[in-house]
Amino acid sequence: MKLKNRTNGKLTEAEIAWLMNALAPGNCKACIWQEKEEDKFQCFPNGDSPCKVFVDKVFHGLEKSGLI
């Protein structure tokens, strides 16, 4: 997805949705940034997966930067 030039500097809802879909695959074993050790792919006791934790950090950074 090509990001459009914008005057307010914020991502659109469509861009945010695309980014979320790109970063958070439905299967937590599909996280390409995880090491291929079986225990690294397991979901955490609170129900989060390594993917969700990563995506949360990305979006927290975008929010702090004023992009969303």
C-alpha atoms as a PDB file:
ATOM      1  CA  MET A   1       0.000   0.000   0.000  1.00  0.00           C
ATOM      2  CA  LYS A   2       1.381   3.366  -0.990  1.00  0.00           C
ATOM      3  CA  LEU A   3       1.013   5.975   1.717  1.00  0.00           C
ATOM      4  CA  LYS A   4      -0.633   9.149   0.443  1.00  0.00           C
ATOM      5  CA  ASN A   5       0.769  12.593   1.054  1.00  0.00           C
ATOM      6  CA  ARG A   6      -1.189  14.156   3.877  1.00  0.00           C
ATOM      7  CA  THR A   7      -1.242  17.584   5.426  1.00  0.00           C
ATOM      8  CA  ASN A   8      -1.928  16.518   9.018  1.00  0.00           C
ATOM      9  CA  GLY A   9       0.808  13.845   9.065  1.00  0.00           C
ATOM     10  CA  LYS A  10      -1.487  11.151  10.466  1.00  0.00           C
ATOM     11  CA  LEU A  11      -2.175   7.720   8.998  1.00  0.00           C
ATOM     12  CA  THR A  12      -5.662   7.137   7.627  1.00  0.00           C
ATOM     13  CA  GLU A  13      -7.913   4.438   9.069  1.00  0.00           C
ATOM     14  CA  ALA A  14      -7.367   2.366   5.905  1.00  0.00           C
ATOM     15  CA  GLU A  15      -3.574   2.625   6.297  1.00  0.00           C
ATOM     16  CA  ILE A  16      -3.790   1.659   9.966  1.00  0.00           C
ATOM     17  CA  ALA A  17      -5.991  -1.345   9.127  1.00  0.00           C
ATOM     18  CA  TRP A  18      -3.582  -2.430   6.383  1.00  0.00           C
ATOM     19  CA  LEU A  19      -0.624  -2.126   8.746  1.00  0.00           C
ATOM     20  CA  MET A  20      -2.393  -4.142  11.453  1.00  0.00           C
ATOM     21  CA  ASN A  21      -3.208  -6.916   8.965  1.00  0.00           C
ATOM     22  CA  ALA A  22       0.358  -6.941   7.659  1.00  0.00           C
ATOM     23  CA  LEU A  23       1.939  -7.107  11.126  1.00  0.00           C
ATOM     24  CA  ALA A  24      -0.460  -9.435  12.935  1.00  0.00           C
ATOM     25  CA  PRO A  25      -1.035 -12.745  11.148  1.00  0.00           C
ATOM     26  CA  GLY A  26      -3.910 -14.815  12.508  1.00  0.00           C
ATOM     27  CA  ASN A  27      -1.575 -17.648  13.483  1.00  0.00           C
ATOM     28  CA  CYS A  28       1.024 -16.646  16.078  1.00  0.00           C
ATOM     29  CA  LYS A  29       3.400 -19.259  14.602  1.00  0.00           C
ATOM     30  CA  ALA A  30       3.610 -17.118  11.459  1.00  0.00           C
ATOM     31  CA  CYS A  31       5.590 -14.348  13.178  1.00  0.00           C
ATOM     32  CA  ILE A  32       8.590 -13.980  10.911  1.00  0.00           C
ATOM     33  CA  TRP A  33      10.585 -12.090  13.560  1.00  0.00           C
ATOM     34  CA  GLN A  34      10.385 -14.939  16.071  1.00  0.00           C
ATOM     35  CA  GLU A  35      13.168 -17.468  16.477  1.00  0.00           C
ATOM     36  CA  LYS A  36      12.173 -20.922  15.341  1.00  0.00           C
ATOM     37  CA  GLU A  37      12.155 -22.496  18.768  1.00  0.00           C
ATOM     38  CA  GLU A  38       8.870 -24.168  19.615  1.00  0.00           C
ATOM     39  CA  ASP A  39       8.435 -22.395  22.959  1.00  0.00           C
ATOM     40  CA  LYS A  40       8.956 -18.979  21.325  1.00  0.00           C
ATOM     41  CA  PHE A  41       5.769 -19.455  19.302  1.00  0.00           C
ATOM     42  CA  GLN A  42       3.454 -20.271  22.203  1.00  0.00           C
ATOM     43  CA  CYS A  43       0.867 -17.739  23.251  1.00  0.00           C
ATOM     44  CA  PHE A  44       1.321 -16.167  26.664  1.00  0.00           C
ATOM     45  CA  PRO A  45      -0.874 -17.111  29.675  1.00  0.00           C
ATOM     46  CA  ASN A  46      -2.840 -13.848  29.380  1.00  0.00           C
ATOM     47  CA  GLY A  47      -3.869 -14.809  25.821  1.00  0.00           C
ATOM     48  CA  ASP A  48      -1.488 -12.468  24.019  1.00  0.00           C
ATOM     49  CA  SER A  49       0.809 -13.852  21.362  1.00  0.00           C
ATOM     50  CA  PRO A  50       4.327 -12.676  20.483  1.00  0.00           C
ATOM     51  CA  CYS A  51       2.797 -11.067  17.375  1.00  0.00           C
ATOM     52  CA  LYS A  52       0.318  -9.027  19.398  1.00  0.00           C
ATOM     53  CA  VAL A  53       3.019  -7.803  21.773  1.00  0.00           C
ATOM     54  CA  PHE A  54       5.163  -6.733  18.802  1.00  0.00           C
ATOM     55  CA  VAL A  55       2.250  -4.991  17.069  1.00  0.00           C
ATOM     56  CA  ASP A  56       1.275  -3.222  20.297  1.00  0.00           C
ATOM     57  CA  LYS A  57       4.826  -1.846  20.566  1.00  0.00           C
ATOM     58  CA  VAL A  58       4.777  -0.679  16.934  1.00  0.00           C
ATOM     59  CA  PHE A  59       1.450   1.100  17.381  1.00  0.00           C
ATOM     60  CA  HIS A  60       2.542   2.613  20.699  1.00  0.00           C
ATOM     61  CA  GLY A  61       5.538   4.096  18.879  1.00  0.00           C
ATOM     62  CA  LEU A  62       3.320   5.432  16.083  1.00  0.00           C
ATOM     63  CA  GLU A  63       1.008   6.983  18.656  1.00  0.00           C
ATOM     64  CA  LYS A  64       3.896   8.632  20.530  1.00  0.00           C
ATOM     65  CA  SER A  65       5.147  10.009  17.209  1.00  0.00           C
ATOM     66  CA  GLY A  66       1.762  11.552  16.506  1.00  0.00           C
ATOM     67  CA  LEU A  67       1.139   9.450  13.410  1.00  0.00           C
ATOM     68  CA  ILE A  68      -2.090   7.920  14.722  1.00  0.00           C
END
